[in-house]
Amino acid sequence: MEQHAVPQIMTAFISSDGKEWQDEYGEVTPVSGQFIYRGTGNGYQAYRIAEVWLVEEKRGPVTHGLTVFLDPVDVMETRLGQYSPEYYGNGGF
C-alpha cells in the first residue's frame, strides 16, 4: 500500500480565558463553530472556535499562519456532554 505525506498545519490557539497553545502537527484546518475538548493537565476543558484567521504579517502580536480564537464552554451544555453525562460530567475520567 502506498503511503502519502499528511499535511501538518501549524495552528496557534488563543482562548478568551487567557490560555494559549500551539498545535504543530494538525492535520485539518479548524472551522468556526467547531468544538475542541482538550486536556489541560488539571482535567479537560471544552472550547468553541469563535474565529479562524490566516495571519500573513510576520511582525504582529500573533504568530503568522493560522490563529484560532476560542471561548471556553461547559461540556455538559453541548451534545457531547449530553451524549455521555456519566463520563463527561466527571471531567472525562
N, C-alpha and C. Protein backbone atom coordinates (compact mmCIF):
# COMPACT_ATOMS: atom_id res chain seq x y z
N MET A 1 0.84 -1.18 0.00
CA MET A 1 0.00 0.00 0.00
C MET A 1 0.89 1.25 0.00
N GLU A 2 0.58 2.16 -0.86
CA GLU A 2 1.35 3.39 -0.99
C GLU A 2 0.99 4.38 0.11
N GLN A 3 2.00 5.00 0.69
CA GLN A 3 1.75 5.99 1.73
C GLN A 3 1.96 7.38 1.16
N HIS A 4 1.15 8.31 1.63
CA HIS A 4 1.25 9.70 1.19
C HIS A 4 1.58 10.57 2.39
N ALA A 5 2.24 11.66 2.12
CA ALA A 5 2.55 12.62 3.18
C ALA A 5 1.25 13.24 3.70
N VAL A 6 1.15 13.37 5.00
CA VAL A 6 0.00 14.00 5.64
C VAL A 6 0.38 15.45 5.94
N PRO A 7 -0.43 16.41 5.50
CA PRO A 7 -0.08 17.81 5.77
C PRO A 7 -0.06 18.09 7.27
N GLN A 8 0.87 18.92 7.69
CA GLN A 8 0.94 19.33 9.08
C GLN A 8 0.69 20.83 9.12
N ILE A 9 -0.40 21.20 9.77
CA ILE A 9 -0.84 22.58 9.80
C ILE A 9 -0.51 23.17 11.16
N MET A 10 0.43 24.10 11.21
CA MET A 10 0.79 24.79 12.45
C MET A 10 -0.32 25.77 12.79
N THR A 11 -0.91 25.62 13.98
CA THR A 11 -2.03 26.46 14.39
C THR A 11 -1.80 26.98 15.80
N ALA A 12 -1.97 28.28 15.99
CA ALA A 12 -1.91 28.89 17.31
C ALA A 12 -3.34 29.04 17.83
N PHE A 13 -3.57 28.66 19.10
CA PHE A 13 -4.87 28.78 19.73
C PHE A 13 -4.81 29.81 20.84
N ILE A 14 -5.76 30.74 20.84
CA ILE A 14 -5.84 31.79 21.86
C ILE A 14 -7.26 31.78 22.41
N SER A 15 -7.38 31.50 23.71
CA SER A 15 -8.69 31.42 24.34
C SER A 15 -9.00 32.71 25.10
N SER A 16 -10.28 33.03 25.18
CA SER A 16 -10.69 34.23 25.91
C SER A 16 -10.47 34.10 27.41
N ASP A 17 -10.16 32.88 27.91
CA ASP A 17 -9.85 32.72 29.34
C ASP A 17 -8.35 32.84 29.62
N GLY A 18 -7.57 33.30 28.62
CA GLY A 18 -6.16 33.56 28.82
C GLY A 18 -5.22 32.40 28.47
N LYS A 19 -5.76 31.26 28.09
CA LYS A 19 -4.93 30.11 27.73
C LYS A 19 -4.47 30.25 26.28
N GLU A 20 -3.22 29.87 26.02
CA GLU A 20 -2.68 29.87 24.67
C GLU A 20 -1.83 28.63 24.48
N TRP A 21 -1.91 28.03 23.29
CA TRP A 21 -1.06 26.90 22.95
C TRP A 21 -0.94 26.80 21.45
N GLN A 22 -0.02 25.95 20.99
CA GLN A 22 0.16 25.71 19.57
C GLN A 22 0.04 24.23 19.27
N ASP A 23 -0.51 23.93 18.12
CA ASP A 23 -0.55 22.56 17.60
C ASP A 23 0.33 22.55 16.37
N GLU A 24 1.47 21.88 16.46
CA GLU A 24 2.42 21.86 15.36
C GLU A 24 2.12 20.77 14.34
N TYR A 25 1.24 19.83 14.70
CA TYR A 25 1.02 18.67 13.85
C TYR A 25 -0.44 18.48 13.45
N GLY A 26 -1.19 19.57 13.36
CA GLY A 26 -2.59 19.46 12.96
C GLY A 26 -2.72 18.90 11.55
N GLU A 27 -3.76 18.14 11.33
CA GLU A 27 -3.99 17.55 10.01
C GLU A 27 -5.20 18.15 9.31
N VAL A 28 -5.98 18.97 10.03
CA VAL A 28 -7.14 19.62 9.43
C VAL A 28 -7.16 21.09 9.85
N THR A 29 -7.79 21.91 9.03
CA THR A 29 -7.93 23.32 9.36
C THR A 29 -9.14 23.49 10.27
N PRO A 30 -8.97 24.12 11.44
CA PRO A 30 -10.11 24.36 12.32
C PRO A 30 -11.15 25.27 11.65
N VAL A 31 -12.41 25.13 12.07
CA VAL A 31 -13.53 25.86 11.47
C VAL A 31 -14.32 26.54 12.58
N SER A 32 -14.77 27.77 12.33
CA SER A 32 -15.61 28.48 13.30
C SER A 32 -16.82 27.64 13.64
N GLY A 33 -17.18 27.60 14.94
CA GLY A 33 -18.31 26.82 15.41
C GLY A 33 -17.93 25.43 15.86
N GLN A 34 -16.77 24.96 15.46
CA GLN A 34 -16.27 23.64 15.86
C GLN A 34 -15.91 23.66 17.34
N PHE A 35 -15.96 22.48 17.97
CA PHE A 35 -15.60 22.36 19.38
C PHE A 35 -14.27 21.62 19.52
N ILE A 36 -13.57 21.93 20.60
CA ILE A 36 -12.33 21.25 20.95
C ILE A 36 -12.47 20.81 22.40
N TYR A 37 -12.13 19.57 22.69
CA TYR A 37 -12.11 19.05 24.06
C TYR A 37 -10.66 18.72 24.35
N ARG A 38 -10.04 19.50 25.24
CA ARG A 38 -8.60 19.48 25.39
C ARG A 38 -8.18 19.17 26.82
N GLY A 39 -7.22 18.28 26.97
CA GLY A 39 -6.62 18.02 28.27
C GLY A 39 -5.74 19.19 28.66
N THR A 40 -5.84 19.62 29.91
CA THR A 40 -5.11 20.81 30.35
C THR A 40 -4.08 20.52 31.43
N GLY A 41 -3.95 19.29 31.86
CA GLY A 41 -3.08 18.97 32.99
C GLY A 41 -3.86 18.94 34.29
N ASN A 42 -4.93 19.73 34.35
CA ASN A 42 -5.82 19.75 35.52
C ASN A 42 -7.19 19.20 35.14
N GLY A 43 -7.23 18.31 34.18
CA GLY A 43 -8.51 17.80 33.69
C GLY A 43 -8.68 18.21 32.24
N TYR A 44 -9.93 18.41 31.84
CA TYR A 44 -10.23 18.74 30.46
C TYR A 44 -11.07 20.00 30.40
N GLN A 45 -10.96 20.72 29.28
CA GLN A 45 -11.75 21.92 29.05
C GLN A 45 -12.30 21.86 27.63
N ALA A 46 -13.57 22.21 27.48
CA ALA A 46 -14.19 22.29 26.16
C ALA A 46 -14.13 23.74 25.69
N TYR A 47 -13.91 23.91 24.39
CA TYR A 47 -13.86 25.23 23.77
C TYR A 47 -14.69 25.22 22.49
N ARG A 48 -15.23 26.38 22.16
CA ARG A 48 -15.89 26.58 20.86
C ARG A 48 -15.02 27.55 20.08
N ILE A 49 -14.75 27.21 18.82
CA ILE A 49 -13.96 28.09 17.97
C ILE A 49 -14.82 29.26 17.53
N ALA A 50 -14.37 30.47 17.87
CA ALA A 50 -15.11 31.68 17.53
C ALA A 50 -14.68 32.24 16.18
N GLU A 51 -13.37 32.29 15.94
CA GLU A 51 -12.85 32.85 14.69
C GLU A 51 -11.57 32.13 14.31
N VAL A 52 -11.33 32.01 13.01
CA VAL A 52 -10.09 31.45 12.48
C VAL A 52 -9.50 32.48 11.53
N TRP A 53 -8.23 32.82 11.77
CA TRP A 53 -7.55 33.83 10.97
C TRP A 53 -6.31 33.23 10.31
N LEU A 54 -6.08 33.57 9.05
CA LEU A 54 -4.82 33.31 8.40
C LEU A 54 -4.05 34.62 8.46
N VAL A 55 -3.03 34.67 9.28
CA VAL A 55 -2.26 35.89 9.50
C VAL A 55 -0.99 35.81 8.67
N GLU A 56 -0.81 36.75 7.76
CA GLU A 56 0.36 36.75 6.90
C GLU A 56 1.44 37.70 7.40
N GLU A 57 1.09 38.62 8.28
CA GLU A 57 2.06 39.56 8.83
C GLU A 57 3.00 38.82 9.78
N LYS A 58 4.29 38.98 9.59
CA LYS A 58 5.26 38.23 10.39
C LYS A 58 5.72 38.98 11.64
N ARG A 59 5.38 40.24 11.78
CA ARG A 59 5.85 41.01 12.94
C ARG A 59 4.71 41.47 13.84
N GLY A 60 3.56 40.85 13.73
CA GLY A 60 2.41 41.25 14.52
C GLY A 60 2.40 40.62 15.90
N PRO A 61 1.37 40.90 16.68
CA PRO A 61 1.29 40.37 18.05
C PRO A 61 0.92 38.89 18.12
N VAL A 62 0.49 38.29 17.00
CA VAL A 62 0.20 36.85 16.98
C VAL A 62 1.12 36.20 15.96
N THR A 63 1.34 34.90 16.12
CA THR A 63 2.20 34.15 15.22
C THR A 63 1.59 34.14 13.82
N HIS A 64 2.44 34.34 12.79
CA HIS A 64 1.89 34.27 11.43
C HIS A 64 1.51 32.82 11.13
N GLY A 65 0.53 32.67 10.28
CA GLY A 65 -0.04 31.36 9.99
C GLY A 65 -1.48 31.33 10.48
N LEU A 66 -1.98 30.15 10.84
CA LEU A 66 -3.35 30.04 11.33
C LEU A 66 -3.43 30.38 12.81
N THR A 67 -4.34 31.26 13.15
CA THR A 67 -4.62 31.61 14.54
C THR A 67 -6.09 31.39 14.79
N VAL A 68 -6.39 30.65 15.88
CA VAL A 68 -7.76 30.30 16.23
C VAL A 68 -8.11 30.96 17.55
N PHE A 69 -9.19 31.71 17.57
CA PHE A 69 -9.69 32.33 18.80
C PHE A 69 -10.83 31.48 19.33
N LEU A 70 -10.77 31.16 20.62
CA LEU A 70 -11.72 30.23 21.25
C LEU A 70 -12.40 30.85 22.45
N ASP A 71 -13.55 30.28 22.78
CA ASP A 71 -14.26 30.62 24.01
C ASP A 71 -14.50 29.33 24.78
N PRO A 72 -14.18 29.30 26.09
CA PRO A 72 -14.46 28.10 26.88
C PRO A 72 -15.97 27.89 27.00
N VAL A 73 -16.38 26.62 27.00
CA VAL A 73 -17.77 26.25 27.19
C VAL A 73 -17.85 25.11 28.19
N ASP A 74 -18.99 24.97 28.81
CA ASP A 74 -19.24 23.84 29.70
C ASP A 74 -19.60 22.64 28.83
N VAL A 75 -18.78 21.60 28.87
CA VAL A 75 -19.02 20.44 28.00
C VAL A 75 -20.40 19.84 28.26
N MET A 76 -20.94 20.00 29.46
CA MET A 76 -22.25 19.44 29.77
C MET A 76 -23.38 20.18 29.07
N GLU A 77 -23.11 21.35 28.52
CA GLU A 77 -24.11 22.10 27.77
C GLU A 77 -24.01 21.84 26.27
N THR A 78 -23.17 20.88 25.89
CA THR A 78 -23.01 20.51 24.49
C THR A 78 -23.59 19.12 24.26
N ARG A 79 -23.75 18.76 23.01
CA ARG A 79 -24.25 17.41 22.69
C ARG A 79 -23.27 16.33 23.13
N LEU A 80 -21.99 16.63 23.13
CA LEU A 80 -21.01 15.65 23.59
C LEU A 80 -21.25 15.31 25.06
N GLY A 81 -21.41 16.32 25.90
CA GLY A 81 -21.69 16.08 27.31
C GLY A 81 -23.03 15.43 27.54
N GLN A 82 -24.03 15.80 26.75
CA GLN A 82 -25.36 15.22 26.89
C GLN A 82 -25.41 13.78 26.41
N TYR A 83 -24.52 13.44 25.47
CA TYR A 83 -24.48 12.08 24.95
C TYR A 83 -24.00 11.09 26.01
N SER A 84 -23.03 11.52 26.81
CA SER A 84 -22.48 10.62 27.83
C SER A 84 -22.20 11.41 29.12
N PRO A 85 -23.26 11.85 29.81
CA PRO A 85 -23.05 12.68 31.00
C PRO A 85 -22.30 11.96 32.12
N GLU A 86 -22.42 10.64 32.20
CA GLU A 86 -21.70 9.93 33.26
C GLU A 86 -20.19 9.98 33.04
N TYR A 87 -19.74 10.13 31.80
CA TYR A 87 -18.32 10.24 31.51
C TYR A 87 -17.85 11.68 31.58
N TYR A 88 -18.49 12.57 30.79
CA TYR A 88 -18.02 13.95 30.70
C TYR A 88 -18.36 14.77 31.94
N GLY A 89 -19.36 14.37 32.70
CA GLY A 89 -19.69 15.07 33.94
C GLY A 89 -18.62 14.88 35.01
N ASN A 90 -17.76 13.88 34.82
CA ASN A 90 -16.65 13.65 35.74
C ASN A 90 -15.34 14.13 35.16
N GLY A 91 -15.39 15.05 34.21
CA GLY A 91 -14.17 15.60 33.64
C GLY A 91 -13.44 14.64 32.72
N GLY A 92 -14.13 13.67 32.16
CA GLY A 92 -13.50 12.73 31.23
C GLY A 92 -12.80 11.59 31.90
N PHE A 93 -13.12 11.34 33.16
CA PHE A 93 -12.45 10.26 33.90
C PHE A 93 -13.44 9.15 34.23
